[in-house]
Amino acid sequence: MLRRIIFPHSLILTFLMFALIWILDVIRINLHFLNPFNESIRDYQITDIVYSRLRDKRIAVDNRIVMVNTGQPSRDTLAMLVNRIREAGAKVIAIDIMLEERKNPVTDSILLTSLTSMENVVLAMEIDGVNDETGIFSIQKSCNPYFCDNVYSGFINFITNDTSTVRIFSPKEMTTTGECLSFPVQAARLYDQEAADRLFKRGNKVEEIYYFGNEDQFVQCEQTDILDTSRNLQGIIKDKIVLIGFLPIDSWDKPMRDRHYTPLNARYTGRNTPDMYGIVIHANIIRMILDNTYVVEPSWGLNLLLTFLICYFNIHLYYQIFRRVSVPYHFVTRFLQIGETVILFFLVALLFHFYRIKIDAGYWITALLLTFDAVKFYDNGIKKRIPLFNKIPYELPLSVKKKKTQPEKNSAEKSSDEPPVVEKPDNKSSEK
């Protein structure tokens, strides 16, 4: 059985390939003239195709989340907004507006009264000053203690993972004053504790954001609609999560403030315009938590095993082609590389589209692209120059069966083979 699946030279070359990929991963090329190219490649993932091209374009509005555009309201206007939303029966109010400093004592007092008159209010703040050894943040800023110490708060920092595209978020972080939840997680927890518990049980330091869509997937209001006393807001706001922040609704008035790149950007390569406001990203995170629609990523060990098997299979296939048809090797293997790359591309995209399974195929494709030259270099260079490798057979040898030994003959058979013994006549009896 092992003889059919284990081929010594293919196995050796697979380990050499892994060593080469590891070296290329550790020693990254960072030349100045290649920086724009490197940034573009690092900022692109195959799953971006799913969001940009394969995602269902139908609008399925989530009625649990209402977004209110306020811009930068004054303190007394914000207080009136909170009062109106509270009176309409909102379950959670999450304010994505920085209350960094004290202003007019009268308006500040009015706003604090409005904030504390409702149980579930979340204010936005930021964390900074992380200790690289402990991972603990030392600074909580952008929210004055006068407000934040009396209501819930959550940090709005986005983790970009060395790219400009917002793909992941941290559910919670440790600070010198204790554990701090992120802004959307805090809002989701106050709305549905069980949904937040499912998130915490996953135990992930960071989570991949599963985007449902842009602002058109959620209920949107202007602050004038909320402050209009002639309108009954209960049908829109009662028992909902209300996010208050900066969200211009008119398509012709889209300022760049608080806009971020996301995988939903129509120009997933060479993009130049951020496509989503921060409050909409928070809404997508909240919806993901409430619906339990998390992105599934294979473990590091499983991904390593899959990479090894794919690399080994390709190396053995290319090696057999090289040994048997050396002249058209270049032509045949180049077509195989193109075909396999396309298949891997669509496999990763379809798994994410239908099952939210995100596979990192970067190492797969790297191994596939290097296989062509690696086989030629190994067979013509390494194997011929190193006598030990040259002595290794292409296939495992057949097992030699031992001949069965003849069983020893018993004493009766032995006696039958011996010549008969002739008895001497008795002289005495003959005389008689």
Protein backbone atom coordinates (compact mmCIF):
# COMPACT_ATOMS: atom_id res chain seq x y z
CA MET A 1 0.00 0.00 0.00
CA LEU A 2 2.76 2.46 0.97
CA ARG A 3 4.56 1.71 -2.26
CA ARG A 4 1.65 3.20 -4.21
CA ILE A 5 1.47 6.50 -2.29
CA ILE A 6 5.04 7.17 -1.10
CA PHE A 7 7.67 8.09 -3.66
CA PRO A 8 11.03 8.97 -2.07
CA HIS A 9 12.20 11.67 -4.48
CA SER A 10 8.79 13.38 -4.54
CA LEU A 11 8.75 13.36 -0.73
CA ILE A 12 12.27 14.81 -0.50
CA LEU A 13 11.42 17.52 -3.02
CA THR A 14 8.24 18.40 -1.09
CA PHE A 15 10.24 19.05 2.08
CA LEU A 16 12.76 21.11 0.10
CA MET A 17 9.86 23.09 -1.37
CA PHE A 18 8.48 23.81 2.11
CA ALA A 19 11.90 25.04 3.20
CA LEU A 20 12.07 27.35 0.18
CA ILE A 21 8.59 28.77 0.83
CA TRP A 22 9.50 29.33 4.48
CA ILE A 23 12.65 31.23 3.47
CA LEU A 24 10.68 33.37 1.01
CA ASP A 25 8.11 34.09 3.73
CA VAL A 26 10.71 35.10 6.31
CA ILE A 27 12.93 37.13 4.00
CA ARG A 28 10.39 39.42 2.37
CA ILE A 29 11.35 41.56 -0.62
CA ASN A 30 10.78 45.18 0.33
CA LEU A 31 12.38 47.20 -2.44
CA HIS A 32 11.24 50.80 -2.70
CA PHE A 33 10.13 50.63 -6.34
CA LEU A 34 8.08 47.50 -5.59
CA ASN A 35 6.22 48.97 -2.60
CA PRO A 36 3.04 49.98 -4.52
CA PHE A 37 2.89 46.51 -6.09
CA ASN A 38 3.48 44.76 -2.76
CA GLU A 39 0.82 46.83 -1.01
CA SER A 40 -1.73 46.07 -3.72
CA ILE A 41 -1.07 42.32 -3.59
CA ARG A 42 -1.11 42.14 0.22
CA ASP A 43 -4.36 44.09 0.32
CA TYR A 44 -6.13 41.64 -2.01
CA GLN A 45 -7.72 38.29 -1.15
CA ILE A 46 -9.62 35.79 -3.26
CA THR A 47 -12.71 36.23 -1.09
CA ASP A 48 -12.91 39.85 -2.29
CA ILE A 49 -14.26 38.44 -5.56
CA VAL A 50 -17.15 36.90 -3.61
CA TYR A 51 -18.06 40.21 -2.01
CA SER A 52 -17.56 42.27 -5.15
CA ARG A 53 -18.95 39.97 -7.85
CA LEU A 54 -20.67 36.86 -6.47
CA ARG A 55 -22.55 38.39 -3.53
CA ASP A 56 -26.32 38.48 -3.78
CA LYS A 57 -27.25 42.04 -4.76
CA ARG A 58 -30.77 41.79 -3.37
CA ILE A 59 -31.50 44.11 -0.45
CA ALA A 60 -32.55 42.27 2.72
CA VAL A 61 -32.96 45.02 5.30
CA ASP A 62 -32.20 44.04 8.90
CA ASN A 63 -34.96 45.65 10.94
CA ARG A 64 -33.17 45.04 14.26
CA ILE A 65 -30.59 47.77 13.56
CA VAL A 66 -31.43 51.43 12.86
CA MET A 67 -28.73 53.91 11.84
CA VAL A 68 -29.27 57.62 12.49
CA ASN A 69 -27.12 60.17 10.68
CA THR A 70 -26.27 63.12 12.91
CA GLY A 71 -22.94 64.41 11.64
CA GLN A 72 -21.38 66.35 14.53
CA PRO A 73 -24.39 67.45 16.59
CA SER A 74 -24.27 69.86 19.48
CA ARG A 75 -24.58 68.48 23.00
CA ASP A 76 -28.15 69.69 23.47
CA THR A 77 -29.19 68.28 20.04
CA LEU A 78 -27.67 64.93 20.94
CA ALA A 79 -29.53 64.98 24.23
CA MET A 80 -32.84 65.57 22.41
CA LEU A 81 -32.06 62.71 20.01
CA VAL A 82 -31.39 60.33 22.90
CA ASN A 83 -34.63 61.37 24.63
CA ARG A 84 -36.71 60.86 21.49
CA ILE A 85 -35.16 57.45 20.79
CA ARG A 86 -35.60 56.37 24.41
CA GLU A 87 -39.24 57.43 24.39
CA ALA A 88 -39.77 55.43 21.18
CA GLY A 89 -38.76 52.26 23.04
CA ALA A 90 -35.29 51.51 21.72
CA LYS A 91 -33.58 48.62 23.50
CA VAL A 92 -29.99 49.80 22.94
CA ILE A 93 -28.57 53.20 21.92
CA ALA A 94 -24.97 53.13 20.66
CA ILE A 95 -23.44 56.55 19.98
CA ASP A 96 -20.49 56.56 17.57
CA ILE A 97 -19.56 60.14 18.42
CA MET A 98 -16.50 61.22 20.40
CA LEU A 99 -17.32 63.12 23.59
CA GLU A 100 -13.68 63.92 24.27
CA GLU A 101 -13.90 67.02 26.41
CA ARG A 102 -16.22 69.00 28.60
CA LYS A 103 -17.87 72.01 26.97
CA ASN A 104 -20.73 74.07 28.34
CA PRO A 105 -21.55 72.83 31.85
CA VAL A 106 -25.29 73.29 31.27
CA THR A 107 -25.47 71.34 28.01
CA ASP A 108 -23.08 68.71 29.34
CA SER A 109 -25.32 68.20 32.35
CA ILE A 110 -28.41 67.93 30.13
CA LEU A 111 -26.69 65.37 27.92
CA LEU A 112 -25.52 63.31 30.91
CA THR A 113 -29.05 63.28 32.28
CA SER A 114 -30.36 62.02 28.95
CA LEU A 115 -27.67 59.31 28.74
CA THR A 116 -28.25 58.03 32.26
CA SER A 117 -32.04 58.06 31.92
CA MET A 118 -31.78 54.88 29.82
CA GLU A 119 -30.17 51.63 30.93
CA ASN A 120 -28.51 50.44 27.72
CA VAL A 121 -26.43 53.28 26.30
CA VAL A 122 -23.00 52.72 24.72
CA LEU A 123 -20.49 55.49 24.04
CA ALA A 124 -17.55 55.28 21.65
CA MET A 125 -13.96 55.58 22.80
CA GLU A 126 -10.49 54.48 21.68
CA ILE A 127 -7.69 52.45 23.25
CA ASP A 128 -4.00 53.07 22.67
CA GLY A 129 -0.54 52.49 24.10
CA VAL A 130 -0.35 48.73 23.80
CA ASN A 131 2.46 46.87 25.54
CA ASP A 132 4.00 44.52 22.97
CA GLU A 133 4.97 41.96 25.63
CA THR A 134 1.75 41.79 27.62
CA GLY A 135 -0.71 42.97 24.96
CA ILE A 136 -2.35 45.31 27.50
CA PHE A 137 -3.47 48.79 26.46
CA SER A 138 -2.62 51.65 28.79
CA ILE A 139 -4.75 54.49 27.40
CA GLN A 140 -8.50 54.87 27.04
CA LYS A 141 -9.18 58.11 25.21
CA SER A 142 -11.66 60.08 23.10
CA CYS A 143 -14.41 59.82 25.73
CA ASN A 144 -14.46 62.08 28.74
CA PRO A 145 -14.87 60.24 32.07
CA TYR A 146 -17.70 62.62 32.93
CA PHE A 147 -19.80 60.72 30.38
CA CYS A 148 -18.12 57.31 30.05
CA ASP A 149 -18.00 56.55 33.76
CA ASN A 150 -21.79 56.66 33.97
CA VAL A 151 -22.76 54.52 30.96
CA TYR A 152 -21.34 51.62 28.96
CA SER A 153 -18.51 52.23 26.51
CA GLY A 154 -16.70 50.31 23.78
CA PHE A 155 -13.60 50.91 21.68
CA ILE A 156 -14.06 51.64 17.99
CA ASN A 157 -10.49 50.88 16.85
CA PHE A 158 -10.40 48.80 13.67
CA ILE A 159 -7.65 46.21 13.21
CA THR A 160 -6.44 46.33 9.63
CA ASN A 161 -3.75 43.59 9.84
CA ASP A 162 -1.09 45.63 7.97
CA THR A 163 -3.48 46.44 5.13
CA SER A 164 -5.81 49.33 4.47
CA THR A 165 -8.85 47.05 4.19
CA VAL A 166 -10.93 46.42 7.33
CA ARG A 167 -11.34 42.64 7.44
CA ILE A 168 -11.09 41.71 11.12
CA PHE A 169 -12.04 43.11 14.50
CA SER A 170 -11.10 42.40 18.09
CA PRO A 171 -14.07 41.50 20.32
CA LYS A 172 -12.30 42.56 23.51
CA GLU A 173 -8.97 43.81 24.78
CA MET A 174 -7.29 44.10 28.16
CA THR A 175 -6.46 47.54 29.50
CA THR A 176 -4.77 48.66 32.69
CA THR A 177 -8.23 49.29 34.15
CA GLY A 178 -9.65 45.90 33.13
CA GLU A 179 -11.33 44.18 30.20
CA CYS A 180 -12.80 46.43 27.52
CA LEU A 181 -15.30 45.30 24.87
CA SER A 182 -15.42 46.67 21.36
CA PHE A 183 -18.20 49.08 20.45
CA PRO A 184 -20.33 46.67 18.33
CA VAL A 185 -19.80 43.77 20.75
CA GLN A 186 -20.98 45.88 23.68
CA ALA A 187 -24.11 46.89 21.76
CA ALA A 188 -24.83 43.29 20.71
CA ARG A 189 -24.32 42.05 24.28
CA LEU A 190 -26.85 44.50 25.68
CA TYR A 191 -29.33 43.48 22.98
CA ASP A 192 -28.80 39.68 23.13
CA GLN A 193 -26.60 38.23 25.87
CA GLU A 194 -26.75 34.69 24.42
CA ALA A 195 -25.44 35.88 21.06
CA ALA A 196 -22.51 37.60 22.78
CA ASP A 197 -21.81 34.46 24.81
CA ARG A 198 -21.54 32.45 21.58
CA LEU A 199 -18.94 34.93 20.38
CA PHE A 200 -16.92 34.70 23.60
CA LYS A 201 -17.05 30.88 23.61
CA ARG A 202 -15.27 30.86 20.25
CA GLY A 203 -12.25 32.20 22.11
CA ASN A 204 -10.72 33.93 19.11
CA LYS A 205 -8.43 36.90 19.64
CA VAL A 206 -9.74 38.45 16.43
CA GLU A 207 -12.69 37.61 14.21
CA GLU A 208 -13.08 37.90 10.45
CA ILE A 209 -15.92 40.30 9.61
CA TYR A 210 -18.64 38.75 7.47
CA TYR A 211 -20.10 41.65 5.49
CA PHE A 212 -23.79 41.53 4.61
CA GLY A 213 -23.74 44.73 2.63
CA ASN A 214 -23.48 48.49 2.74
CA GLU A 215 -25.88 50.94 4.41
CA ASP A 216 -28.77 49.92 2.17
CA GLN A 217 -29.00 46.64 4.14
CA PHE A 218 -30.07 48.52 7.29
CA VAL A 219 -32.76 50.99 8.30
CA GLN A 220 -31.53 54.59 7.92
CA CYS A 221 -32.84 57.83 9.37
CA GLU A 222 -31.80 61.46 9.48
CA GLN A 223 -31.73 63.36 12.77
CA THR A 224 -34.49 65.63 11.46
CA ASP A 225 -36.73 62.57 11.16
CA ILE A 226 -36.05 61.67 14.80
CA LEU A 227 -36.56 65.22 16.10
CA ASP A 228 -39.84 65.63 14.22
CA THR A 229 -42.35 65.44 17.08
CA SER A 230 -45.23 64.87 14.68
CA ARG A 231 -43.84 61.44 13.73
CA ASN A 232 -44.51 58.25 15.64
CA LEU A 233 -41.14 56.51 15.89
CA GLN A 234 -42.20 53.36 17.71
CA GLY A 235 -42.79 51.40 14.52
CA ILE A 236 -39.20 52.05 13.47
CA ILE A 237 -37.28 52.12 16.75
CA LYS A 238 -39.11 50.06 19.38
CA ASP A 239 -36.98 47.16 20.72
CA LYS A 240 -34.19 47.93 18.20
CA ILE A 241 -30.49 48.76 18.34
CA VAL A 242 -30.09 52.40 17.33
CA LEU A 243 -26.66 53.48 16.09
CA ILE A 244 -26.06 57.23 16.12
CA GLY A 245 -23.18 58.57 14.06
CA PHE A 246 -21.86 60.02 10.84
CA LEU A 247 -23.68 58.55 7.81
CA PRO A 248 -24.54 60.91 4.93
CA ILE A 249 -27.46 59.35 3.06
CA ASP A 250 -27.40 61.43 -0.14
CA SER A 251 -25.17 59.79 -2.75
CA TRP A 252 -23.93 63.17 -4.02
CA ASP A 253 -22.72 64.18 -0.56
CA LYS A 254 -20.27 61.50 0.53
CA PRO A 255 -17.40 63.13 2.43
CA MET A 256 -14.27 61.10 3.10
CA ARG A 257 -14.48 61.44 6.86
CA ASP A 258 -14.65 58.12 8.74
CA ARG A 259 -14.70 56.07 5.52
CA HIS A 260 -12.78 52.82 5.22
CA TYR A 261 -11.84 50.24 2.62
CA THR A 262 -13.74 46.96 2.88
CA PRO A 263 -13.92 43.79 0.76
CA LEU A 264 -17.20 45.11 -0.70
CA ASN A 265 -15.30 47.74 -2.66
CA ALA A 266 -16.22 47.32 -6.33
CA ARG A 267 -12.61 47.96 -7.32
CA TYR A 268 -10.96 45.16 -5.37
CA THR A 269 -7.60 45.84 -7.07
CA GLY A 270 -6.07 49.26 -7.47
CA ARG A 271 -8.87 50.77 -5.39
CA ASN A 272 -8.67 54.50 -4.69
CA THR A 273 -11.87 55.44 -2.81
CA PRO A 274 -12.92 54.07 0.60
CA ASP A 275 -16.38 52.56 0.35
CA MET A 276 -17.91 52.24 3.83
CA TYR A 277 -18.48 54.45 6.86
CA GLY A 278 -17.41 53.24 10.28
CA ILE A 279 -20.97 53.08 11.64
CA VAL A 280 -21.94 50.70 8.80
CA ILE A 281 -19.01 48.41 9.63
CA HIS A 282 -20.25 48.33 13.23
CA ALA A 283 -23.73 47.43 11.98
CA ASN A 284 -22.32 44.52 9.95
CA ILE A 285 -20.43 43.22 12.99
CA ILE A 286 -23.53 43.45 15.19
CA ARG A 287 -25.61 41.58 12.61
CA MET A 288 -22.95 38.89 12.30
CA ILE A 289 -22.97 38.38 16.09
CA LEU A 290 -26.76 38.26 16.36
CA ASP A 291 -27.11 35.84 13.41
CA ASN A 292 -24.13 33.68 14.44
CA THR A 293 -22.83 33.88 10.88
CA TYR A 294 -19.11 33.68 11.57
CA VAL A 295 -16.42 33.02 9.02
CA VAL A 296 -14.94 29.53 9.43
CA GLU A 297 -11.18 29.29 9.01
CA PRO A 298 -9.32 25.94 9.08
CA SER A 299 -6.84 25.51 11.89
CA TRP A 300 -3.14 26.07 11.29
CA GLY A 301 -2.45 22.34 11.43
CA LEU A 302 -5.21 21.45 8.95
CA ASN A 303 -4.11 24.17 6.56
CA LEU A 304 -0.52 22.91 6.78
CA LEU A 305 -1.64 19.35 6.06
CA LEU A 306 -3.70 20.41 3.03
CA THR A 307 -0.79 22.47 1.72
CA PHE A 308 1.56 19.51 2.11
CA LEU A 309 -0.77 17.10 0.32
CA ILE A 310 -1.40 19.49 -2.58
CA CYS A 311 2.30 20.25 -2.89
CA TYR A 312 3.23 16.55 -2.76
CA PHE A 313 0.61 15.58 -5.33
CA ASN A 314 1.75 18.26 -7.78
CA ILE A 315 5.42 17.49 -7.34
CA HIS A 316 4.85 13.78 -7.97
CA LEU A 317 2.69 14.51 -11.01
CA TYR A 318 5.20 16.94 -12.51
CA TYR A 319 8.08 14.60 -11.69
CA GLN A 320 6.43 11.72 -13.53
CA ILE A 321 5.77 13.95 -16.53
CA PHE A 322 9.39 15.13 -16.49
CA ARG A 323 10.75 11.57 -16.42
CA ARG A 324 8.50 10.28 -19.19
CA VAL A 325 8.06 13.21 -21.57
CA SER A 326 11.03 15.48 -21.01
CA VAL A 327 10.78 17.27 -24.38
CA PRO A 328 7.16 18.65 -24.09
CA TYR A 329 7.50 19.01 -20.29
CA HIS A 330 7.41 22.80 -20.46
CA PHE A 331 4.29 22.87 -22.63
CA VAL A 332 2.31 20.28 -20.62
CA THR A 333 3.12 21.57 -17.14
CA ARG A 334 2.42 25.22 -17.96
CA PHE A 335 -1.11 24.30 -19.01
CA LEU A 336 -1.47 22.26 -15.83
CA GLN A 337 -0.37 25.24 -13.73
CA ILE A 338 -2.94 27.52 -15.33
CA GLY A 339 -5.71 24.95 -14.98
CA GLU A 340 -4.96 24.13 -11.35
CA THR A 341 -4.67 27.81 -10.41
CA VAL A 342 -8.10 28.51 -11.88
CA ILE A 343 -9.58 25.49 -10.10
CA LEU A 344 -8.09 26.51 -6.74
CA PHE A 345 -9.29 30.07 -7.26
CA PHE A 346 -12.91 29.05 -7.81
CA LEU A 347 -12.79 26.38 -5.10
CA VAL A 348 -11.78 28.95 -2.48
CA ALA A 349 -14.36 31.45 -3.75
CA LEU A 350 -17.24 28.94 -3.80
CA LEU A 351 -16.45 27.55 -0.34
CA PHE A 352 -16.61 31.07 1.07
CA HIS A 353 -19.72 32.00 -0.92
CA PHE A 354 -21.84 29.01 0.11
CA TYR A 355 -20.36 27.91 3.46
CA ARG A 356 -18.39 30.96 4.75
CA ILE A 357 -15.27 28.75 4.83
CA LYS A 358 -12.22 30.90 4.22
CA ILE A 359 -9.11 29.04 3.09
CA ASP A 360 -5.77 30.75 2.73
CA ALA A 361 -4.60 29.45 -0.65
CA GLY A 362 -1.54 31.69 -0.85
CA TYR A 363 0.92 28.90 -0.02
CA TRP A 364 -0.93 26.49 -2.32
CA ILE A 365 -0.53 28.76 -5.30
CA THR A 366 3.07 29.59 -4.38
CA ALA A 367 3.96 25.91 -4.26
CA LEU A 368 2.17 25.32 -7.55
CA LEU A 369 4.07 28.11 -9.31
CA LEU A 370 7.43 26.90 -7.98
CA THR A 371 6.90 23.22 -8.80
CA PHE A 372 7.82 23.50 -12.49
CA ASP A 373 11.33 24.85 -11.88
CA ALA A 374 11.86 22.91 -8.64
CA VAL A 375 11.46 19.53 -10.36
CA LYS A 376 13.96 20.40 -13.09
CA PHE A 377 16.47 21.86 -10.64
CA TYR A 378 16.22 18.88 -8.31
CA ASP A 379 16.54 16.19 -10.99
CA ASN A 380 19.28 17.89 -13.02
CA GLY A 381 21.16 19.50 -10.16
CA ILE A 382 20.69 18.20 -6.65
CA LYS A 383 20.08 14.52 -7.37
CA LYS A 384 22.99 14.14 -9.79
CA ARG A 385 25.48 16.06 -7.66
CA ILE A 386 24.70 14.37 -4.35
CA PRO A 387 25.53 10.64 -4.53
CA LEU A 388 23.23 9.78 -1.64
CA PHE A 389 20.19 11.15 -3.46
CA ASN A 390 21.26 9.44 -6.68
CA LYS A 391 21.19 6.05 -4.95
CA ILE A 392 17.61 6.49 -3.76
CA PRO A 393 15.14 4.62 -6.01
CA TYR A 394 12.14 6.35 -7.56
CA GLU A 395 9.78 3.85 -5.95
CA LEU A 396 9.89 1.82 -2.78
CA PRO A 397 11.28 -1.67 -3.46
CA LEU A 398 9.00 -4.69 -3.48
CA SER A 399 8.96 -6.67 -0.27
CA VAL A 400 10.85 -9.99 -0.60
CA LYS A 401 8.90 -12.96 0.63
CA LYS A 402 10.81 -15.60 2.58
CA LYS A 403 10.71 -19.16 1.29
CA LYS A 404 8.88 -21.58 3.49
CA THR A 405 11.21 -24.16 5.08
CA GLN A 406 10.37 -27.85 4.76
CA PRO A 407 9.21 -29.34 8.07
CA GLU A 408 11.63 -31.80 9.58
CA LYS A 409 10.88 -35.41 8.92
CA ASN A 410 9.67 -37.43 11.81
CA SER A 411 11.55 -40.38 13.13
CA ALA A 412 9.29 -42.87 11.34
CA GLU A 413 9.99 -41.28 7.96
CA LYS A 414 13.67 -41.09 8.71
CA SER A 415 13.77 -44.81 9.57
CA SER A 416 12.00 -45.65 6.33
CA ASP A 417 14.69 -43.91 4.33
CA GLU A 418 17.51 -45.79 6.03
CA PRO A 419 18.64 -49.17 4.59
CA PRO A 420 17.19 -52.23 6.36
CA VAL A 421 19.36 -53.89 8.98
CA VAL A 422 20.00 -57.60 8.33
CA GLU A 423 20.11 -59.72 11.49
CA LYS A 424 22.88 -62.24 11.83
CA PRO A 425 21.71 -65.84 12.25
CA ASP A 426 22.04 -67.38 15.68
CA ASN A 427 24.70 -70.13 15.50
CA LYS A 428 23.37 -71.93 18.50
CA SER A 429 19.92 -72.36 17.12
CA SER A 430 21.28 -73.59 13.83
CA GLU A 431 23.33 -76.27 15.58
CA LYS A 432 20.26 -77.55 17.25
